[in-house]
Amino acid sequence: MGGVGAGQAAKLCNQLIVATNMLAIAEAMHVGEALGIDLAQLPVAFQGGFADSRPLQLFGPRMAPPADPGPPVSELRTMYKDIRSIRAAAAAAEAGTPLLASVEAMWTRLIDAGHGGEDVPGLMRLYRHPTDLGEQ
């Protein structure tokens, strides 16, 4: 990966992809719900395709109502911590991150509204309960 610190830098790049992917999954689930799709079937339909991912297979079914979310996997505040670390590292390297800015803004809405202790399916609050999160 490179010299000292390269492993940490690679982890930040990974977390940028994961944080963005999880929001994309939540938004796709929201759009699918609005279009009348059986959300429980969406991750199954995408298996093996370009949209498939471990986060989709793990969290997609947990975002679909009335699915039992099961035991928590990770609190939203944990990913938010990583997002802030990515932003700081990118800023220090003078790397532009316009997508990260949008992702961070969405996660910030959840954290500022007091949902940091929720598991990843809590991302659906952005779509199902946006008025509970303050200004849109």
C-alpha atoms as a PDB file:
ATOM      1  CA  MET A   1       0.000   0.000   0.000  1.00  0.00           C
ATOM      2  CA  GLY A   2       2.919   2.335   0.577  1.00  0.00           C
ATOM      3  CA  GLY A   3       4.844   3.803   3.486  1.00  0.00           C
ATOM      4  CA  VAL A   4       3.907   4.329   7.103  1.00  0.00           C
ATOM      5  CA  GLY A   5       0.254   5.314   7.404  1.00  0.00           C
ATOM      6  CA  ALA A   6      -0.771   3.867   4.044  1.00  0.00           C
ATOM      7  CA  GLY A   7      -2.854   1.158   5.703  1.00  0.00           C
ATOM      8  CA  GLN A   8      -4.842   3.769   7.630  1.00  0.00           C
ATOM      9  CA  ALA A   9      -5.268   5.806   4.454  1.00  0.00           C
ATOM     10  CA  ALA A  10      -6.571   2.713   2.651  1.00  0.00           C
ATOM     11  CA  LYS A  11      -9.049   2.106   5.497  1.00  0.00           C
ATOM     12  CA  LEU A  12     -10.337   5.669   5.096  1.00  0.00           C
ATOM     13  CA  CYS A  13     -10.811   5.094   1.360  1.00  0.00           C
ATOM     14  CA  ASN A  14     -12.706   1.889   2.164  1.00  0.00           C
ATOM     15  CA  GLN A  15     -14.945   3.699   4.636  1.00  0.00           C
ATOM     16  CA  LEU A  16     -15.700   6.421   2.080  1.00  0.00           C
ATOM     17  CA  ILE A  17     -17.027   3.738  -0.247  1.00  0.00           C
ATOM     18  CA  VAL A  18     -18.955   2.004   2.547  1.00  0.00           C
ATOM     19  CA  ALA A  19     -20.560   5.202   3.894  1.00  0.00           C
ATOM     20  CA  THR A  20     -21.619   6.244   0.403  1.00  0.00           C
ATOM     21  CA  ASN A  21     -22.841   2.756  -0.484  1.00  0.00           C
ATOM     22  CA  MET A  22     -24.979   2.507   2.642  1.00  0.00           C
ATOM     23  CA  LEU A  23     -26.702   5.786   1.806  1.00  0.00           C
ATOM     24  CA  ALA A  24     -27.217   4.632  -1.780  1.00  0.00           C
ATOM     25  CA  ILE A  25     -28.789   1.415  -0.493  1.00  0.00           C
ATOM     26  CA  ALA A  26     -31.133   3.344   1.805  1.00  0.00           C
ATOM     27  CA  GLU A  27     -32.129   5.681  -1.024  1.00  0.00           C
ATOM     28  CA  ALA A  28     -32.682   2.795  -3.445  1.00  0.00           C
ATOM     29  CA  MET A  29     -34.838   1.067  -0.842  1.00  0.00           C
ATOM     30  CA  HIS A  30     -36.820   4.274  -0.411  1.00  0.00           C
ATOM     31  CA  VAL A  31     -37.366   4.661  -4.164  1.00  0.00           C
ATOM     32  CA  GLY A  32     -38.271   0.986  -4.464  1.00  0.00           C
ATOM     33  CA  GLU A  33     -40.775   1.355  -1.640  1.00  0.00           C
ATOM     34  CA  ALA A  34     -42.318   4.399  -3.325  1.00  0.00           C
ATOM     35  CA  LEU A  35     -42.609   2.439  -6.577  1.00  0.00           C
ATOM     36  CA  GLY A  36     -44.323  -0.470  -4.831  1.00  0.00           C
ATOM     37  CA  ILE A  37     -41.485  -2.986  -4.998  1.00  0.00           C
ATOM     38  CA  ASP A  38     -41.347  -5.787  -2.435  1.00  0.00           C
ATOM     39  CA  LEU A  39     -38.231  -4.468  -0.710  1.00  0.00           C
ATOM     40  CA  ALA A  40     -37.359  -7.828   0.783  1.00  0.00           C
ATOM     41  CA  GLN A  41     -36.823  -9.085  -2.783  1.00  0.00           C
ATOM     42  CA  LEU A  42     -34.606  -6.221  -3.967  1.00  0.00           C
ATOM     43  CA  PRO A  43     -31.321  -7.529  -2.489  1.00  0.00           C
ATOM     44  CA  VAL A  44     -32.163 -11.014  -3.776  1.00  0.00           C
ATOM     45  CA  ALA A  45     -32.785  -9.653  -7.277  1.00  0.00           C
ATOM     46  CA  PHE A  46     -29.438  -7.818  -7.270  1.00  0.00           C
ATOM     47  CA  GLN A  47     -27.331 -10.784  -6.116  1.00  0.00           C
ATOM     48  CA  GLY A  48     -24.336 -11.213  -8.389  1.00  0.00           C
ATOM     49  CA  GLY A  49     -25.034  -8.030 -10.367  1.00  0.00           C
ATOM     50  CA  PHE A  50     -23.158  -4.749 -10.460  1.00  0.00           C
ATOM     51  CA  ALA A  51     -25.290  -3.264  -7.657  1.00  0.00           C
ATOM     52  CA  ASP A  52     -24.657  -6.193  -5.337  1.00  0.00           C
ATOM     53  CA  SER A  53     -22.480  -5.746  -2.268  1.00  0.00           C
ATOM     54  CA  ARG A  54     -22.072  -7.173   1.184  1.00  0.00           C
ATOM     55  CA  PRO A  55     -23.710  -4.082   2.694  1.00  0.00           C
ATOM     56  CA  LEU A  56     -26.703  -4.547   0.365  1.00  0.00           C
ATOM     57  CA  GLN A  57     -27.085  -8.180   1.380  1.00  0.00           C
ATOM     58  CA  LEU A  58     -26.626  -7.420   5.090  1.00  0.00           C
ATOM     59  CA  PHE A  59     -28.545  -4.164   5.471  1.00  0.00           C
ATOM     60  CA  GLY A  60     -31.001  -4.206   2.561  1.00  0.00           C
ATOM     61  CA  PRO A  61     -33.289  -6.800   4.141  1.00  0.00           C
ATOM     62  CA  ARG A  62     -33.010  -5.011   7.474  1.00  0.00           C
ATOM     63  CA  MET A  63     -34.184  -1.758   5.863  1.00  0.00           C
ATOM     64  CA  ALA A  64     -37.243  -3.436   4.325  1.00  0.00           C
ATOM     65  CA  PRO A  65     -40.377  -3.258   6.453  1.00  0.00           C
ATOM     66  CA  PRO A  66     -41.545  -5.100   8.420  1.00  0.00           C
ATOM     67  CA  ALA A  67     -38.260  -7.002   8.646  1.00  0.00           C
ATOM     68  CA  ASP A  68     -36.829  -7.721  12.062  1.00  0.00           C
ATOM     69  CA  PRO A  69     -33.627  -5.697  12.151  1.00  0.00           C
ATOM     70  CA  GLY A  70     -31.906  -8.380  14.196  1.00  0.00           C
ATOM     71  CA  PRO A  71     -29.010  -7.632  16.513  1.00  0.00           C
ATOM     72  CA  PRO A  72     -27.182  -4.341  15.926  1.00  0.00           C
ATOM     73  CA  VAL A  73     -24.155  -4.452  13.656  1.00  0.00           C
ATOM     74  CA  SER A  74     -22.738  -0.929  13.939  1.00  0.00           C
ATOM     75  CA  GLU A  75     -23.908   2.370  15.352  1.00  0.00           C
ATOM     76  CA  LEU A  76     -24.368   5.267  12.941  1.00  0.00           C
ATOM     77  CA  ARG A  77     -21.979   7.381  15.038  1.00  0.00           C
ATOM     78  CA  THR A  78     -19.151   4.923  14.319  1.00  0.00           C
ATOM     79  CA  MET A  79     -19.376   5.496  10.569  1.00  0.00           C
ATOM     80  CA  TYR A  80     -19.828   9.220  11.173  1.00  0.00           C
ATOM     81  CA  LYS A  81     -16.525   9.263  13.065  1.00  0.00           C
ATOM     82  CA  ASP A  82     -14.892   7.671  10.033  1.00  0.00           C
ATOM     83  CA  ILE A  83     -16.535  10.159   7.677  1.00  0.00           C
ATOM     84  CA  ARG A  84     -15.106  13.045   9.677  1.00  0.00           C
ATOM     85  CA  SER A  85     -11.671  11.377   9.641  1.00  0.00           C
ATOM     86  CA  ILE A  86     -11.879  10.959   5.857  1.00  0.00           C
ATOM     87  CA  ARG A  87     -12.796  14.629   5.446  1.00  0.00           C
ATOM     88  CA  ALA A  88      -9.877  15.746   7.638  1.00  0.00           C
ATOM     89  CA  ALA A  89      -7.379  13.539   5.802  1.00  0.00           C
ATOM     90  CA  ALA A  90      -8.642  14.619   2.382  1.00  0.00           C
ATOM     91  CA  ALA A  91      -8.513  18.284   3.384  1.00  0.00           C
ATOM     92  CA  ALA A  92      -4.950  17.873   4.663  1.00  0.00           C
ATOM     93  CA  ALA A  93      -4.004  16.282   1.330  1.00  0.00           C
ATOM     94  CA  GLU A  94      -5.897  19.010  -0.568  1.00  0.00           C
ATOM     95  CA  ALA A  95      -8.031  16.330  -2.244  1.00  0.00           C
ATOM     96  CA  GLY A  96     -11.433  17.622  -3.326  1.00  0.00           C
ATOM     97  CA  THR A  97     -14.352  15.527  -2.033  1.00  0.00           C
ATOM     98  CA  PRO A  98     -17.680  16.909  -3.274  1.00  0.00           C
ATOM     99  CA  LEU A  99     -19.443  13.553  -2.917  1.00  0.00           C
ATOM    100  CA  LEU A 100     -18.104  13.154   0.612  1.00  0.00           C
ATOM    101  CA  ALA A 101     -19.519  16.597   1.472  1.00  0.00           C
ATOM    102  CA  SER A 102     -23.006  15.429   0.479  1.00  0.00           C
ATOM    103  CA  VAL A 103     -22.613  12.119   2.310  1.00  0.00           C
ATOM    104  CA  GLU A 104     -21.367  13.867   5.434  1.00  0.00           C
ATOM    105  CA  ALA A 105     -24.280  16.317   5.387  1.00  0.00           C
ATOM    106  CA  MET A 106     -26.782  13.454   5.364  1.00  0.00           C
ATOM    107  CA  TRP A 107     -25.057  11.568   8.168  1.00  0.00           C
ATOM    108  CA  THR A 108     -24.764  14.825  10.151  1.00  0.00           C
ATOM    109  CA  ARG A 109     -28.543  15.287  10.004  1.00  0.00           C
ATOM    110  CA  LEU A 110     -29.020  11.901  11.661  1.00  0.00           C
ATOM    111  CA  ILE A 111     -26.336  12.456  14.293  1.00  0.00           C
ATOM    112  CA  ASP A 112     -27.510  15.987  15.140  1.00  0.00           C
ATOM    113  CA  ALA A 113     -31.069  14.675  15.552  1.00  0.00           C
ATOM    114  CA  GLY A 114     -29.846  12.211  18.184  1.00  0.00           C
ATOM    115  CA  HIS A 115     -29.834   8.981  16.158  1.00  0.00           C
ATOM    116  CA  GLY A 116     -26.116   8.208  16.417  1.00  0.00           C
ATOM    117  CA  GLY A 117     -26.718   5.189  18.639  1.00  0.00           C
ATOM    118  CA  GLU A 118     -28.985   3.492  16.105  1.00  0.00           C
ATOM    119  CA  ASP A 119     -27.899   0.650  13.869  1.00  0.00           C
ATOM    120  CA  VAL A 120     -27.313   1.189  10.136  1.00  0.00           C
ATOM    121  CA  PRO A 121     -30.973   0.626   9.129  1.00  0.00           C
ATOM    122  CA  GLY A 122     -31.560   3.921  10.955  1.00  0.00           C
ATOM    123  CA  LEU A 123     -30.441   5.548   7.694  1.00  0.00           C
ATOM    124  CA  MET A 124     -34.005   4.999   6.514  1.00  0.00           C
ATOM    125  CA  ARG A 125     -35.033   7.860   8.826  1.00  0.00           C
ATOM    126  CA  LEU A 126     -33.656  10.198   6.154  1.00  0.00           C
ATOM    127  CA  TYR A 127     -36.466   9.022   3.896  1.00  0.00           C
ATOM    128  CA  ARG A 128     -39.262   7.750   6.098  1.00  0.00           C
ATOM    129  CA  HIS A 129     -39.150  10.443   8.793  1.00  0.00           C
ATOM    130  CA  PRO A 130     -37.278  13.452   7.339  1.00  0.00           C
ATOM    131  CA  THR A 131     -39.290  15.977   9.319  1.00  0.00           C
ATOM    132  CA  ASP A 132     -37.978  14.395  12.530  1.00  0.00           C
ATOM    133  CA  LEU A 133     -34.487  15.456  11.452  1.00  0.00           C
ATOM    134  CA  GLY A 134     -35.084  19.194  11.237  1.00  0.00           C
ATOM    135  CA  GLU A 135     -34.491  21.271   8.127  1.00  0.00           C
ATOM    136  CA  GLN A 136     -34.219  19.387   4.830  1.00  0.00           C
END
